[in-house]
PDB file of N, CA and C in Angstrom:
ATOM      1  N   MET A   1     -83.277 198.360 -84.532  1.00  0.00           N
ATOM      2  CA  MET A   1     -83.800 198.044 -83.221  1.00  0.00           C
ATOM      3  C   MET A   1     -85.314 197.869 -83.336  1.00  0.00           C
ATOM      4  N   THR A   2     -85.850 196.839 -82.683  1.00  0.00           N
ATOM      5  CA  THR A   2     -87.291 196.618 -82.728  1.00  0.00           C
ATOM      6  C   THR A   2     -87.944 197.278 -81.531  1.00  0.00           C
ATOM      7  N   ARG A   3     -89.150 197.718 -81.735  1.00  0.00           N
ATOM      8  CA  ARG A   3     -89.908 198.375 -80.669  1.00  0.00           C
ATOM      9  C   ARG A   3     -90.669 197.326 -79.860  1.00  0.00           C
ATOM     10  N   ASN A   4     -90.627 197.436 -78.540  1.00  0.00           N
ATOM     11  CA  ASN A   4     -91.332 196.511 -77.663  1.00  0.00           C
ATOM     12  C   ASN A   4     -92.825 196.815 -77.730  1.00  0.00           C
ATOM     13  N   ARG A   5     -93.611 195.793 -78.009  1.00  0.00           N
ATOM     14  CA  ARG A   5     -95.059 195.967 -78.099  1.00  0.00           C
ATOM     15  C   ARG A   5     -95.705 195.529 -76.797  1.00  0.00           C
ATOM     16  N   MET A   6     -96.665 196.333 -76.333  1.00  0.00           N
ATOM     17  CA  MET A   6     -97.342 196.029 -75.094  1.00  0.00           C
ATOM     18  C   MET A   6     -98.827 196.260 -75.292  1.00  0.00           C
ATOM     19  N   LYS A   7     -99.649 195.348 -74.801  1.00  0.00           N
ATOM     20  CA  LYS A   7    -101.094 195.479 -74.887  1.00  0.00           C
ATOM     21  C   LYS A   7    -101.658 195.282 -73.494  1.00  0.00           C
ATOM     22  N   THR A   8    -102.635 196.097 -73.138  1.00  0.00           N
ATOM     23  CA  THR A   8    -103.304 195.990 -71.852  1.00  0.00           C
ATOM     24  C   THR A   8    -104.733 195.512 -72.076  1.00  0.00           C
ATOM     25  N   ILE A   9    -105.138 194.469 -71.337  1.00  0.00           N
ATOM     26  CA  ILE A   9    -106.485 193.919 -71.460  1.00  0.00           C
ATOM     27  C   ILE A   9    -107.056 193.641 -70.081  1.00  0.00           C
ATOM     28  N   SER A  10    -108.374 193.532 -70.002  1.00  0.00           N
ATOM     29  CA  SER A  10    -109.031 193.212 -68.728  1.00  0.00           C
ATOM     30  C   SER A  10    -109.019 191.701 -68.505  1.00  0.00           C
ATOM     31  N   LYS A  11    -109.199 191.293 -67.258  1.00  0.00           N
ATOM     32  CA  LYS A  11    -109.258 189.868 -66.945  1.00  0.00           C
ATOM     33  C   LYS A  11    -110.429 189.213 -67.663  1.00  0.00           C
ATOM     34  N   SER A  12    -111.549 189.889 -67.769  1.00  0.00           N
ATOM     35  CA  SER A  12    -112.710 189.298 -68.444  1.00  0.00           C
ATOM     36  C   SER A  12    -112.433 189.092 -69.938  1.00  0.00           C
ATOM     37  N   GLN A  13    -111.737 190.026 -70.545  1.00  0.00           N
ATOM     38  CA  GLN A  13    -111.378 189.872 -71.954  1.00  0.00           C
ATOM     39  C   GLN A  13    -110.377 188.725 -72.116  1.00  0.00           C
ATOM     40  N   LEU A  14    -109.435 188.599 -71.187  1.00  0.00           N
ATOM     41  CA  LEU A  14    -108.457 187.513 -71.240  1.00  0.00           C
ATOM     42  C   LEU A  14    -109.151 186.159 -71.146  1.00  0.00           C
ATOM     43  N   LYS A  15    -110.136 186.045 -70.257  1.00  0.00           N
ATOM     44  CA  LYS A  15    -110.857 184.783 -70.111  1.00  0.00           C
ATOM     45  C   LYS A  15    -111.496 184.363 -71.432  1.00  0.00           C
ATOM     46  N   ARG A  16    -112.057 185.302 -72.164  1.00  0.00           N
ATOM     47  CA  ARG A  16    -112.731 184.993 -73.425  1.00  0.00           C
ATOM     48  C   ARG A  16    -111.752 184.656 -74.544  1.00  0.00           C
ATOM     49  N   GLN A  17    -110.559 185.257 -74.519  1.00  0.00           N
ATOM     50  CA  GLN A  17    -109.656 185.165 -75.659  1.00  0.00           C
ATOM     51  C   GLN A  17    -108.239 184.727 -75.296  1.00  0.00           C
ATOM     52  N   VAL A  18    -108.067 183.950 -74.227  1.00  0.00           N
ATOM     53  CA  VAL A  18    -106.730 183.628 -73.732  1.00  0.00           C
ATOM     54  C   VAL A  18    -105.854 182.965 -74.793  1.00  0.00           C
ATOM     55  N   LEU A  19    -106.366 181.990 -75.503  1.00  0.00           N
ATOM     56  CA  LEU A  19    -105.555 181.294 -76.493  1.00  0.00           C
ATOM     57  C   LEU A  19    -105.107 182.240 -77.608  1.00  0.00           C
ATOM     58  N   GLU A  20    -106.020 183.078 -78.062  1.00  0.00           N
ATOM     59  CA  GLU A  20    -105.688 184.057 -79.105  1.00  0.00           C
ATOM     60  C   GLU A  20    -104.573 185.006 -78.649  1.00  0.00           C
ATOM     61  N   PHE A  21    -104.664 185.503 -77.420  1.00  0.00           N
ATOM     62  CA  PHE A  21    -103.650 186.427 -76.917  1.00  0.00           C
ATOM     63  C   PHE A  21    -102.300 185.753 -76.728  1.00  0.00           C
ATOM     64  N   LEU A  22    -102.288 184.524 -76.211  1.00  0.00           N
ATOM     65  CA  LEU A  22    -101.032 183.807 -76.032  1.00  0.00           C
ATOM     66  C   LEU A  22    -100.346 183.548 -77.370  1.00  0.00           C
ATOM     67  N   GLN A  23    -101.114 183.195 -78.390  1.00  0.00           N
ATOM     68  CA  GLN A  23    -100.548 182.979 -79.722  1.00  0.00           C
ATOM     69  C   GLN A  23     -99.992 184.279 -80.288  1.00  0.00           C
ATOM     70  N   LEU A  24    -100.682 185.379 -80.073  1.00  0.00           N
ATOM     71  CA  LEU A  24    -100.235 186.680 -80.566  1.00  0.00           C
ATOM     72  C   LEU A  24     -98.920 187.095 -79.900  1.00  0.00           C
ATOM     73  N   VAL A  25     -98.837 186.963 -78.588  1.00  0.00           N
ATOM     74  CA  VAL A  25     -97.614 187.330 -77.871  1.00  0.00           C
ATOM     75  C   VAL A  25     -96.460 186.431 -78.307  1.00  0.00           C
ATOM     76  N   GLU A  26     -96.739 185.140 -78.472  1.00  0.00           N
ATOM     77  CA  GLU A  26     -95.695 184.207 -78.877  1.00  0.00           C
ATOM     78  C   GLU A  26     -95.179 184.521 -80.277  1.00  0.00           C
ATOM     79  N   SER A  27     -96.060 184.841 -81.218  1.00  0.00           N
ATOM     80  CA  SER A  27     -95.637 185.077 -82.598  1.00  0.00           C
ATOM     81  C   SER A  27     -95.059 186.475 -82.820  1.00  0.00           C
ATOM     82  N   ALA A  28     -95.624 187.473 -82.151  1.00  0.00           N
ATOM     83  CA  ALA A  28     -95.211 188.854 -82.392  1.00  0.00           C
ATOM     84  C   ALA A  28     -94.235 189.369 -81.349  1.00  0.00           C
ATOM     85  N   GLY A  29     -94.109 188.660 -80.243  1.00  0.00           N
ATOM     86  CA  GLY A  29     -93.272 189.150 -79.148  1.00  0.00           C
ATOM     87  C   GLY A  29     -94.003 190.214 -78.356  1.00  0.00           C
ATOM     88  N   GLY A  30     -93.333 190.812 -77.435  1.00  0.00           N
ATOM     89  CA  GLY A  30     -93.930 191.880 -76.648  1.00  0.00           C
ATOM     90  C   GLY A  30     -94.487 191.392 -75.333  1.00  0.00           C
ATOM     91  N   GLU A  31     -95.347 192.197 -74.745  1.00  0.00           N
ATOM     92  CA  GLU A  31     -95.888 191.932 -73.424  1.00  0.00           C
ATOM     93  C   GLU A  31     -97.397 192.009 -73.445  1.00  0.00           C
ATOM     94  N   LEU A  32     -98.012 191.344 -72.486  1.00  0.00           N
ATOM     95  CA  LEU A  32     -99.448 191.410 -72.285  1.00  0.00           C
ATOM     96  C   LEU A  32     -99.674 191.747 -70.822  1.00  0.00           C
ATOM     97  N   ILE A  33    -100.314 192.870 -70.556  1.00  0.00           N
ATOM     98  CA  ILE A  33    -100.597 193.288 -69.187  1.00  0.00           C
ATOM     99  C   ILE A  33    -102.085 193.058 -68.922  1.00  0.00           C
ATOM    100  N   VAL A  34    -102.381 192.315 -67.852  1.00  0.00           N
ATOM    101  CA  VAL A  34    -103.753 192.005 -67.491  1.00  0.00           C
ATOM    102  C   VAL A  34    -104.177 192.929 -66.355  1.00  0.00           C
ATOM    103  N   THR A  35    -105.365 193.529 -66.506  1.00  0.00           N
ATOM    104  CA  THR A  35    -105.858 194.453 -65.483  1.00  0.00           C
ATOM    105  C   THR A  35    -107.149 193.934 -64.859  1.00  0.00           C
ATOM    106  N   ASP A  36    -107.396 194.381 -63.638  1.00  0.00           N
ATOM    107  CA  ASP A  36    -108.630 194.092 -62.920  1.00  0.00           C
ATOM    108  C   ASP A  36    -109.231 195.431 -62.534  1.00  0.00           C
ATOM    109  N   GLN A  37    -110.315 195.799 -63.181  1.00  0.00           N
ATOM    110  CA  GLN A  37    -110.975 197.085 -62.984  1.00  0.00           C
ATOM    111  C   GLN A  37    -109.999 198.247 -63.217  1.00  0.00           C
ATOM    112  N   GLY A  38    -109.188 198.105 -64.259  1.00  0.00           N
ATOM    113  CA  GLY A  38    -108.278 199.167 -64.656  1.00  0.00           C
ATOM    114  C   GLY A  38    -106.934 199.202 -63.938  1.00  0.00           C
ATOM    115  N   LYS A  39    -106.759 198.329 -62.939  1.00  0.00           N
ATOM    116  CA  LYS A  39    -105.500 198.282 -62.211  1.00  0.00           C
ATOM    117  C   LYS A  39    -104.758 197.002 -62.566  1.00  0.00           C
ATOM    118  N   THR A  40    -103.442 197.076 -62.638  1.00  0.00           N
ATOM    119  CA  THR A  40    -102.640 195.908 -62.980  1.00  0.00           C
ATOM    120  C   THR A  40    -102.928 194.770 -62.021  1.00  0.00           C
ATOM    121  N   SER A  41    -103.156 193.588 -62.576  1.00  0.00           N
ATOM    122  CA  SER A  41    -103.486 192.413 -61.778  1.00  0.00           C
ATOM    123  C   SER A  41    -102.257 191.546 -61.593  1.00  0.00           C
ATOM    124  N   GLY A  42    -102.070 191.004 -60.402  1.00  0.00           N
ATOM    125  CA  GLY A  42    -101.012 190.044 -60.159  1.00  0.00           C
ATOM    126  C   GLY A  42     -99.825 190.676 -59.615  1.00  0.00           C
TER     127      GLY A  42
END
């Protein structure tokens, strides 16, 4: 069984590195949680 990977990042960090994060999630699987001032966004 594989373990689900989850990473939490801020919206500002996502803006700077969106392509890198999307490629990472696509290749490694898992989830990406985006936060706004420490709270889940969206």
